[in-house]
Amino acid sequence: LRAKVAVPASSVGTLRFSSHFTAAHEYAKTDGKIATCGITDFAQAALGDIVFVDLPEVGDEFEKGDSFGSVESVKAASDVY
């Protein structure tokens, strides 16, 4: 599933963001070469209370399909890709 969203900016112009979703309920919202990654509300609800999140360092780079962190909850642990 892919969605593209145009978000209005100041009166100067429009910023364009792209959001990409995986079948595992992860997403990446890109703005140029910067991506904000996370898990969907559905994944958060399915996991329950999150007790630990392992995140990469600022500036780390990854390729498509690379694991870049993990999320642990009272119910399960999962890598984030």
N, C-alpha and C. Protein backbone atom coordinates (compact mmCIF):
# COMPACT_ATOMS: atom_id res chain seq x y z
N LEU A 1 0.84 -1.17 0.00
CA LEU A 1 0.00 0.00 0.00
C LEU A 1 0.88 1.23 0.00
N ARG A 2 0.66 2.15 -0.90
CA ARG A 2 1.42 3.39 -0.95
C ARG A 2 0.45 4.56 -1.03
N ALA A 3 0.81 5.63 -0.38
CA ALA A 3 -0.01 6.83 -0.44
C ALA A 3 0.89 8.03 -0.61
N LYS A 4 0.52 8.96 -1.44
CA LYS A 4 1.26 10.21 -1.59
C LYS A 4 0.37 11.34 -1.12
N VAL A 5 0.96 12.21 -0.32
CA VAL A 5 0.19 13.29 0.27
C VAL A 5 0.90 14.60 0.01
N ALA A 6 0.17 15.59 -0.47
CA ALA A 6 0.71 16.94 -0.60
C ALA A 6 0.23 17.75 0.59
N VAL A 7 1.16 18.34 1.32
CA VAL A 7 0.81 19.10 2.51
C VAL A 7 1.05 20.58 2.23
N PRO A 8 0.03 21.44 2.41
CA PRO A 8 0.23 22.86 2.17
C PRO A 8 1.25 23.44 3.14
N ALA A 9 2.13 24.28 2.64
CA ALA A 9 3.13 24.95 3.46
C ALA A 9 2.73 26.41 3.63
N SER A 10 3.70 27.24 3.91
CA SER A 10 3.41 28.67 4.02
C SER A 10 3.01 29.21 2.66
N SER A 11 2.78 30.49 2.58
CA SER A 11 2.33 31.08 1.33
C SER A 11 3.38 31.00 0.23
N VAL A 12 4.58 30.56 0.56
CA VAL A 12 5.66 30.48 -0.41
C VAL A 12 5.44 29.33 -1.39
N GLY A 13 4.87 28.22 -0.97
CA GLY A 13 4.69 27.08 -1.88
C GLY A 13 4.15 25.88 -1.15
N THR A 14 4.40 24.71 -1.71
CA THR A 14 3.89 23.46 -1.15
C THR A 14 5.04 22.50 -0.94
N LEU A 15 5.06 21.84 0.22
CA LEU A 15 6.02 20.77 0.48
C LEU A 15 5.38 19.47 0.07
N ARG A 16 6.13 18.56 -0.49
CA ARG A 16 5.58 17.26 -0.89
C ARG A 16 6.21 16.18 -0.01
N PHE A 17 5.35 15.39 0.58
CA PHE A 17 5.75 14.26 1.40
C PHE A 17 5.22 12.99 0.77
N SER A 18 5.96 11.92 0.91
CA SER A 18 5.49 10.62 0.47
C SER A 18 5.48 9.69 1.67
N SER A 19 4.42 8.95 1.83
CA SER A 19 4.33 7.96 2.89
C SER A 19 4.26 6.58 2.26
N HIS A 20 5.07 5.67 2.77
CA HIS A 20 5.12 4.31 2.26
C HIS A 20 4.85 3.37 3.43
N PHE A 21 3.93 2.42 3.23
CA PHE A 21 3.53 1.49 4.28
C PHE A 21 3.89 0.06 3.87
N THR A 22 4.29 -0.76 4.87
CA THR A 22 4.58 -2.17 4.62
C THR A 22 3.41 -3.03 5.08
N ALA A 23 3.44 -4.28 4.66
CA ALA A 23 2.41 -5.23 5.10
C ALA A 23 2.53 -5.52 6.60
N ALA A 24 3.69 -5.23 7.18
CA ALA A 24 3.92 -5.46 8.61
C ALA A 24 3.56 -4.23 9.45
N HIS A 25 2.82 -3.29 8.86
CA HIS A 25 2.33 -2.10 9.56
C HIS A 25 3.44 -1.16 10.01
N GLU A 26 4.47 -1.06 9.20
CA GLU A 26 5.52 -0.07 9.41
C GLU A 26 5.35 0.98 8.32
N TYR A 27 5.88 2.18 8.57
CA TYR A 27 5.79 3.21 7.54
C TYR A 27 7.06 4.05 7.49
N ALA A 28 7.27 4.68 6.36
CA ALA A 28 8.34 5.66 6.19
C ALA A 28 7.72 6.86 5.49
N LYS A 29 7.86 8.01 6.11
CA LYS A 29 7.39 9.26 5.50
C LYS A 29 8.63 10.01 5.07
N THR A 30 8.77 10.23 3.77
CA THR A 30 9.98 10.84 3.24
C THR A 30 9.77 12.30 2.88
N ASP A 31 10.85 13.06 3.08
CA ASP A 31 10.92 14.46 2.68
C ASP A 31 12.33 14.66 2.14
N GLY A 32 12.46 14.57 0.82
CA GLY A 32 13.80 14.62 0.22
C GLY A 32 14.55 13.36 0.57
N LYS A 33 15.76 13.52 1.17
CA LYS A 33 16.59 12.37 1.54
C LYS A 33 16.38 11.95 2.99
N ILE A 34 15.46 12.60 3.68
CA ILE A 34 15.18 12.30 5.09
C ILE A 34 13.90 11.47 5.18
N ALA A 35 13.93 10.41 5.98
CA ALA A 35 12.74 9.57 6.18
C ALA A 35 12.45 9.48 7.68
N THR A 36 11.19 9.63 8.01
CA THR A 36 10.71 9.41 9.38
C THR A 36 10.01 8.06 9.37
N CYS A 37 10.48 7.14 10.21
CA CYS A 37 9.96 5.77 10.21
C CYS A 37 9.20 5.51 11.50
N GLY A 38 8.23 4.60 11.41
CA GLY A 38 7.47 4.25 12.60
C GLY A 38 6.58 3.06 12.35
N ILE A 39 5.75 2.79 13.35
CA ILE A 39 4.76 1.72 13.21
C ILE A 39 3.38 2.36 13.26
N THR A 40 2.44 1.74 12.59
CA THR A 40 1.09 2.29 12.49
C THR A 40 0.35 2.17 13.82
N ASP A 41 -0.78 2.88 13.92
CA ASP A 41 -1.63 2.77 15.11
C ASP A 41 -2.10 1.33 15.30
N PHE A 42 -2.38 0.64 14.19
CA PHE A 42 -2.81 -0.75 14.28
C PHE A 42 -1.74 -1.60 14.95
N ALA A 43 -0.48 -1.43 14.52
CA ALA A 43 0.63 -2.20 15.11
C ALA A 43 0.80 -1.86 16.59
N GLN A 44 0.67 -0.58 16.93
CA GLN A 44 0.80 -0.17 18.32
C GLN A 44 -0.28 -0.83 19.18
N ALA A 45 -1.51 -0.85 18.68
CA ALA A 45 -2.61 -1.47 19.42
C ALA A 45 -2.39 -2.98 19.56
N ALA A 46 -1.88 -3.61 18.51
CA ALA A 46 -1.65 -5.05 18.55
C ALA A 46 -0.53 -5.41 19.53
N LEU A 47 0.47 -4.56 19.64
CA LEU A 47 1.59 -4.83 20.53
C LEU A 47 1.23 -4.63 22.00
N GLY A 48 0.31 -3.75 22.28
CA GLY A 48 -0.02 -3.44 23.68
C GLY A 48 1.00 -2.46 24.23
N ASP A 49 1.26 -2.55 25.52
CA ASP A 49 2.19 -1.62 26.17
C ASP A 49 3.62 -1.87 25.68
N ILE A 50 4.23 -0.83 25.11
CA ILE A 50 5.61 -0.92 24.62
C ILE A 50 6.55 -0.65 25.79
N VAL A 51 7.52 -1.57 25.99
CA VAL A 51 8.43 -1.45 27.13
C VAL A 51 9.85 -1.07 26.72
N PHE A 52 10.20 -1.22 25.44
CA PHE A 52 11.56 -0.88 24.99
C PHE A 52 11.55 -0.64 23.49
N VAL A 53 12.31 0.37 23.06
CA VAL A 53 12.49 0.64 21.64
C VAL A 53 13.98 0.84 21.39
N ASP A 54 14.52 0.10 20.44
CA ASP A 54 15.93 0.23 20.05
C ASP A 54 15.97 1.00 18.73
N LEU A 55 16.58 2.18 18.75
CA LEU A 55 16.62 3.04 17.56
C LEU A 55 18.06 3.23 17.07
N PRO A 56 18.23 3.54 15.79
CA PRO A 56 19.57 3.81 15.27
C PRO A 56 20.05 5.20 15.70
N GLU A 57 21.32 5.46 15.50
CA GLU A 57 21.90 6.77 15.77
C GLU A 57 21.49 7.74 14.67
N VAL A 58 21.42 9.01 15.00
CA VAL A 58 21.13 10.04 14.01
C VAL A 58 22.21 10.00 12.94
N GLY A 59 21.79 10.00 11.68
CA GLY A 59 22.73 9.98 10.57
C GLY A 59 23.05 8.59 10.04
N ASP A 60 22.62 7.53 10.75
CA ASP A 60 22.83 6.17 10.23
C ASP A 60 22.06 6.02 8.92
N GLU A 61 22.61 5.24 8.02
CA GLU A 61 21.97 5.01 6.73
C GLU A 61 21.68 3.52 6.57
N PHE A 62 20.59 3.21 5.86
CA PHE A 62 20.18 1.81 5.67
C PHE A 62 19.74 1.62 4.24
N GLU A 63 19.73 0.38 3.84
CA GLU A 63 19.19 -0.03 2.54
C GLU A 63 17.81 -0.62 2.76
N LYS A 64 17.04 -0.66 1.71
CA LYS A 64 15.71 -1.26 1.76
C LYS A 64 15.82 -2.70 2.29
N GLY A 65 14.99 -3.04 3.25
CA GLY A 65 14.98 -4.39 3.81
C GLY A 65 15.89 -4.58 5.01
N ASP A 66 16.75 -3.60 5.32
CA ASP A 66 17.63 -3.70 6.49
C ASP A 66 16.84 -3.46 7.77
N SER A 67 17.12 -4.23 8.80
CA SER A 67 16.54 -3.97 10.11
C SER A 67 17.29 -2.79 10.71
N PHE A 68 16.56 -1.80 11.23
CA PHE A 68 17.24 -0.64 11.81
C PHE A 68 16.85 -0.42 13.27
N GLY A 69 16.13 -1.34 13.84
CA GLY A 69 15.75 -1.21 15.24
C GLY A 69 14.80 -2.31 15.65
N SER A 70 14.32 -2.21 16.88
CA SER A 70 13.36 -3.19 17.35
C SER A 70 12.40 -2.53 18.34
N VAL A 71 11.24 -3.16 18.48
CA VAL A 71 10.22 -2.71 19.41
C VAL A 71 9.85 -3.91 20.27
N GLU A 72 9.88 -3.72 21.59
CA GLU A 72 9.49 -4.79 22.50
C GLU A 72 8.29 -4.33 23.31
N SER A 73 7.34 -5.23 23.46
CA SER A 73 6.16 -4.94 24.26
C SER A 73 5.96 -6.07 25.25
N VAL A 74 4.91 -5.93 26.05
CA VAL A 74 4.60 -7.00 27.00
C VAL A 74 4.13 -8.25 26.28
N LYS A 75 3.71 -8.12 25.00
CA LYS A 75 3.20 -9.25 24.23
C LYS A 75 4.23 -9.87 23.29
N ALA A 76 5.14 -9.04 22.73
CA ALA A 76 6.04 -9.55 21.67
C ALA A 76 7.22 -8.61 21.48
N ALA A 77 8.18 -9.09 20.70
CA ALA A 77 9.32 -8.28 20.26
C ALA A 77 9.39 -8.39 18.75
N SER A 78 9.74 -7.30 18.09
CA SER A 78 9.77 -7.32 16.63
C SER A 78 10.84 -6.38 16.11
N ASP A 79 11.55 -6.81 15.08
CA ASP A 79 12.48 -5.92 14.39
C ASP A 79 11.69 -4.96 13.53
N VAL A 80 12.27 -3.79 13.29
CA VAL A 80 11.67 -2.78 12.42
C VAL A 80 12.54 -2.68 11.19
N TYR A 81 11.92 -2.77 10.00
CA TYR A 81 12.65 -2.77 8.73
C TYR A 81 12.38 -1.52 7.94
